[in-house]
């Protein structure tokens, strides 16, 4: 099985930044309530930054990190703690969708109208190349319908 799980720098930096400013505001609020003044020192900022990086990494891995594994039989998508596995033969059509802001997804359609999106831009894959591979996998697994 071929696997790709790139680091999504944007999501990681957003998580770390949110935690850094959240911890900073929490520290200032607690200081003000107890001491009636806000005490900040560069050592506290460095500690806050290190704590934000450690907590941000864990939060990123648990909620946002995306991994995609596939071969000619099926695929698995893991985003954070959730995992989805499926076979290519469960799908009948494939399309490439532009989500805006330069983000692309390969969409797999079932016969009933349901679909599944593979976030190729987040996975740092070539959208067109993955679409054509998925089309070959879906087409290669054609089902014989008897009448």
C-alpha atoms as a PDB file:
ATOM      1  CA  UNK A   1       0.000   0.000   0.000  1.00  0.00           C
ATOM      2  CA  UNK A   2       1.232   3.472  -0.883  1.00  0.00           C
ATOM      3  CA  UNK A   3       0.879   5.922   2.030  1.00  0.00           C
ATOM      4  CA  UNK A   4       1.163   9.694   2.220  1.00  0.00           C
ATOM      5  CA  UNK A   5       0.854  11.705   5.430  1.00  0.00           C
ATOM      6  CA  UNK A   6       2.492  15.112   4.997  1.00  0.00           C
ATOM      7  CA  UNK A   7       2.762  17.690   7.733  1.00  0.00           C
ATOM      8  CA  UNK A   8       0.127  20.380   7.207  1.00  0.00           C
ATOM      9  CA  UNK A   9       2.069  23.433   8.328  1.00  0.00           C
ATOM     10  CA  UNK A  10      -0.936  25.794   8.111  1.00  0.00           C
ATOM     11  CA  UNK A  11      -3.120  23.738  10.461  1.00  0.00           C
ATOM     12  CA  UNK A  12      -0.224  23.171  12.860  1.00  0.00           C
ATOM     13  CA  UNK A  13       0.670  26.877  13.023  1.00  0.00           C
ATOM     14  CA  UNK A  14      -2.977  27.875  13.510  1.00  0.00           C
ATOM     15  CA  UNK A  15      -3.279  25.436  16.404  1.00  0.00           C
ATOM     16  CA  UNK A  16      -0.048  26.602  18.067  1.00  0.00           C
ATOM     17  CA  UNK A  17      -0.945  30.291  17.611  1.00  0.00           C
ATOM     18  CA  UNK A  18      -4.434  29.812  19.026  1.00  0.00           C
ATOM     19  CA  UNK A  19      -3.052  28.007  22.068  1.00  0.00           C
ATOM     20  CA  UNK A  20      -0.265  30.573  22.584  1.00  0.00           C
ATOM     21  CA  UNK A  21      -2.636  33.534  22.665  1.00  0.00           C
ATOM     22  CA  UNK A  22      -5.197  31.574  24.673  1.00  0.00           C
ATOM     23  CA  UNK A  23      -2.612  30.715  27.336  1.00  0.00           C
ATOM     24  CA  UNK A  24      -1.344  34.295  27.300  1.00  0.00           C
ATOM     25  CA  UNK A  25      -4.833  35.684  27.887  1.00  0.00           C
ATOM     26  CA  UNK A  26      -5.500  33.087  30.590  1.00  0.00           C
ATOM     27  CA  UNK A  27      -2.235  33.996  32.344  1.00  0.00           C
ATOM     28  CA  UNK A  28      -3.030  37.720  32.185  1.00  0.00           C
ATOM     29  CA  UNK A  29      -6.569  37.168  33.479  1.00  0.00           C
ATOM     30  CA  UNK A  30      -5.435  35.020  36.409  1.00  0.00           C
ATOM     31  CA  UNK A  31      -2.688  37.535  37.267  1.00  0.00           C
ATOM     32  CA  UNK A  32      -5.105  40.424  37.182  1.00  0.00           C
ATOM     33  CA  UNK A  33      -7.665  38.651  39.364  1.00  0.00           C
ATOM     34  CA  UNK A  34      -5.082  37.646  41.980  1.00  0.00           C
ATOM     35  CA  UNK A  35      -2.498  40.473  41.922  1.00  0.00           C
ATOM     36  CA  UNK A  36      -4.526  43.279  40.312  1.00  0.00           C
ATOM     37  CA  UNK A  37      -1.777  43.717  37.732  1.00  0.00           C
ATOM     38  CA  UNK A  38      -0.525  41.793  34.718  1.00  0.00           C
ATOM     39  CA  UNK A  39       2.969  40.390  35.162  1.00  0.00           C
ATOM     40  CA  UNK A  40       4.805  39.313  32.017  1.00  0.00           C
ATOM     41  CA  UNK A  41       8.435  38.308  31.719  1.00  0.00           C
ATOM     42  CA  UNK A  42      10.296  36.943  28.724  1.00  0.00           C
ATOM     43  CA  UNK A  43      10.840  33.610  30.539  1.00  0.00           C
ATOM     44  CA  UNK A  44       7.084  33.272  30.951  1.00  0.00           C
ATOM     45  CA  UNK A  45       6.613  33.979  27.248  1.00  0.00           C
ATOM     46  CA  UNK A  46       9.202  31.339  26.323  1.00  0.00           C
ATOM     47  CA  UNK A  47       7.540  28.814  28.660  1.00  0.00           C
ATOM     48  CA  UNK A  48       4.152  29.728  27.191  1.00  0.00           C
ATOM     49  CA  UNK A  49       5.514  29.220  23.668  1.00  0.00           C
ATOM     50  CA  UNK A  50       7.040  25.831  24.515  1.00  0.00           C
ATOM     51  CA  UNK A  51       3.819  24.710  26.187  1.00  0.00           C
ATOM     52  CA  UNK A  52       1.836  25.908  23.158  1.00  0.00           C
ATOM     53  CA  UNK A  53       4.073  23.966  20.777  1.00  0.00           C
ATOM     54  CA  UNK A  54       3.767  20.765  22.828  1.00  0.00           C
ATOM     55  CA  UNK A  55      -0.008  21.035  23.263  1.00  0.00           C
ATOM     56  CA  UNK A  56      -0.479  22.249  19.688  1.00  0.00           C
ATOM     57  CA  UNK A  57       1.371  19.238  18.276  1.00  0.00           C
ATOM     58  CA  UNK A  58      -0.825  16.834  20.239  1.00  0.00           C
ATOM     59  CA  UNK A  59      -4.007  18.687  19.262  1.00  0.00           C
ATOM     60  CA  UNK A  60      -2.922  18.779  15.604  1.00  0.00           C
ATOM     61  CA  UNK A  61      -2.160  15.035  15.530  1.00  0.00           C
ATOM     62  CA  UNK A  62      -5.441  14.190  17.283  1.00  0.00           C
ATOM     63  CA  UNK A  63      -7.750  16.416  15.209  1.00  0.00           C
ATOM     64  CA  UNK A  64      -6.215  17.576  11.929  1.00  0.00           C
ATOM     65  CA  UNK A  65      -3.403  15.321  10.675  1.00  0.00           C
ATOM     66  CA  UNK A  66      -4.484  13.509   7.506  1.00  0.00           C
ATOM     67  CA  UNK A  67      -3.019  10.259   6.184  1.00  0.00           C
ATOM     68  CA  UNK A  68      -4.041   8.488   2.974  1.00  0.00           C
ATOM     69  CA  UNK A  69      -3.114   4.919   2.006  1.00  0.00           C
ATOM     70  CA  UNK A  70      -4.151   3.229  -1.199  1.00  0.00           C
ATOM     71  CA  UNK A  71      -3.471   0.412  -3.624  1.00  0.00           C
ATOM     72  CA  UNK A  72      -5.391  -1.085  -6.549  1.00  0.00           C
ATOM     73  CA  UNK A  73      -7.915  -2.788  -4.237  1.00  0.00           C
ATOM     74  CA  UNK A  74      -8.886  -0.049  -1.813  1.00  0.00           C
ATOM     75  CA  UNK A  75      -7.913   2.938   0.272  1.00  0.00           C
ATOM     76  CA  UNK A  76      -7.932   4.287   3.802  1.00  0.00           C
ATOM     77  CA  UNK A  77      -8.205   7.894   4.965  1.00  0.00           C
ATOM     78  CA  UNK A  78      -7.313   8.812   8.515  1.00  0.00           C
ATOM     79  CA  UNK A  79      -7.991  12.332   9.716  1.00  0.00           C
ATOM     80  CA  UNK A  80      -7.149  12.867  13.346  1.00  0.00           C
ATOM     81  CA  UNK A  81      -8.689  10.035  15.304  1.00  0.00           C
ATOM     82  CA  UNK A  82     -11.221   8.944  12.675  1.00  0.00           C
ATOM     83  CA  UNK A  83     -10.415   6.345  10.041  1.00  0.00           C
ATOM     84  CA  UNK A  84     -12.338   5.357   6.925  1.00  0.00           C
ATOM     85  CA  UNK A  85     -11.524   2.362   4.740  1.00  0.00           C
ATOM     86  CA  UNK A  86     -13.248   1.488   1.476  1.00  0.00           C
ATOM     87  CA  UNK A  87     -12.788  -0.457  -1.729  1.00  0.00           C
ATOM     88  CA  UNK A  88     -12.548   1.176  -5.130  1.00  0.00           C
ATOM     89  CA  UNK A  89     -15.222  -1.231  -6.421  1.00  0.00           C
ATOM     90  CA  UNK A  90     -17.792   0.438  -4.113  1.00  0.00           C
ATOM     91  CA  UNK A  91     -17.683   3.556  -6.312  1.00  0.00           C
ATOM     92  CA  UNK A  92     -18.790   4.079  -9.890  1.00  0.00           C
ATOM     93  CA  UNK A  93     -17.601   7.601 -10.823  1.00  0.00           C
ATOM     94  CA  UNK A  94     -14.682   9.907 -10.048  1.00  0.00           C
ATOM     95  CA  UNK A  95     -14.380  13.681 -10.384  1.00  0.00           C
ATOM     96  CA  UNK A  96     -11.957  16.445  -9.478  1.00  0.00           C
ATOM     97  CA  UNK A  97     -13.484  19.260  -7.421  1.00  0.00           C
ATOM     98  CA  UNK A  98     -12.047  22.748  -6.868  1.00  0.00           C
ATOM     99  CA  UNK A  99     -12.945  23.776  -3.316  1.00  0.00           C
ATOM    100  CA  UNK A 100     -11.686  27.353  -3.655  1.00  0.00           C
ATOM    101  CA  UNK A 101      -8.504  29.049  -2.442  1.00  0.00           C
ATOM    102  CA  UNK A 102      -6.389  26.593  -4.435  1.00  0.00           C
ATOM    103  CA  UNK A 103      -7.755  23.543  -2.617  1.00  0.00           C
ATOM    104  CA  UNK A 104      -8.707  20.436  -4.610  1.00  0.00           C
ATOM    105  CA  UNK A 105     -10.421  17.167  -3.729  1.00  0.00           C
ATOM    106  CA  UNK A 106     -11.051  13.965  -5.627  1.00  0.00           C
ATOM    107  CA  UNK A 107     -14.665  12.995  -5.203  1.00  0.00           C
ATOM    108  CA  UNK A 108     -15.786   9.353  -5.469  1.00  0.00           C
ATOM    109  CA  UNK A 109     -19.473   8.728  -6.192  1.00  0.00           C
ATOM    110  CA  UNK A 110     -21.586   5.702  -5.363  1.00  0.00           C
ATOM    111  CA  UNK A 111     -24.506   4.685  -7.552  1.00  0.00           C
ATOM    112  CA  UNK A 112     -27.029   6.033  -5.047  1.00  0.00           C
ATOM    113  CA  UNK A 113     -25.653   9.568  -5.181  1.00  0.00           C
ATOM    114  CA  UNK A 114     -23.531   9.387  -2.031  1.00  0.00           C
ATOM    115  CA  UNK A 115     -19.958  10.538  -2.358  1.00  0.00           C
ATOM    116  CA  UNK A 116     -16.660  10.645  -0.527  1.00  0.00           C
ATOM    117  CA  UNK A 117     -14.000  13.351  -0.853  1.00  0.00           C
ATOM    118  CA  UNK A 118     -10.264  12.740  -0.716  1.00  0.00           C
ATOM    119  CA  UNK A 119      -8.540  16.045   0.223  1.00  0.00           C
ATOM    120  CA  UNK A 120      -5.635  15.840  -2.235  1.00  0.00           C
ATOM    121  CA  UNK A 121      -4.385  19.395  -1.600  1.00  0.00           C
ATOM    122  CA  UNK A 122      -4.065  18.700   2.123  1.00  0.00           C
ATOM    123  CA  UNK A 123      -2.194  15.505   1.283  1.00  0.00           C
ATOM    124  CA  UNK A 124       0.155  17.408  -1.050  1.00  0.00           C
ATOM    125  CA  UNK A 125      -0.693  15.085  -3.946  1.00  0.00           C
ATOM    126  CA  UNK A 126      -1.111  16.006  -7.592  1.00  0.00           C
ATOM    127  CA  UNK A 127      -4.926  16.316  -7.936  1.00  0.00           C
ATOM    128  CA  UNK A 128      -5.102  15.398 -11.612  1.00  0.00           C
ATOM    129  CA  UNK A 129      -2.755  12.450 -11.245  1.00  0.00           C
ATOM    130  CA  UNK A 130      -4.700  10.996  -8.302  1.00  0.00           C
ATOM    131  CA  UNK A 131      -7.988  11.491 -10.165  1.00  0.00           C
ATOM    132  CA  UNK A 132      -6.714   9.512 -13.150  1.00  0.00           C
ATOM    133  CA  UNK A 133      -5.334   6.783 -10.872  1.00  0.00           C
ATOM    134  CA  UNK A 134      -8.669   6.579  -9.053  1.00  0.00           C
ATOM    135  CA  UNK A 135     -10.497   6.388 -12.406  1.00  0.00           C
ATOM    136  CA  UNK A 136      -8.300   3.448 -13.415  1.00  0.00           C
ATOM    137  CA  UNK A 137      -8.879   1.713 -10.061  1.00  0.00           C
ATOM    138  CA  UNK A 138     -12.660   2.235 -10.284  1.00  0.00           C
ATOM    139  CA  UNK A 139     -12.798   1.226 -13.959  1.00  0.00           C
ATOM    140  CA  UNK A 140     -10.582  -1.815 -13.339  1.00  0.00           C
ATOM    141  CA  UNK A 141     -13.062  -3.094 -10.794  1.00  0.00           C
ATOM    142  CA  UNK A 142     -16.142  -2.980 -13.032  1.00  0.00           C
ATOM    143  CA  UNK A 143     -19.057  -5.036 -11.832  1.00  0.00           C
ATOM    144  CA  UNK A 144     -20.929  -7.422 -14.069  1.00  0.00           C
ATOM    145  CA  UNK A 145     -24.665  -6.817 -13.948  1.00  0.00           C
ATOM    146  CA  UNK A 146     -26.837  -9.714 -15.069  1.00  0.00           C
ATOM    147  CA  UNK A 147     -30.288  -9.076 -16.472  1.00  0.00           C
END
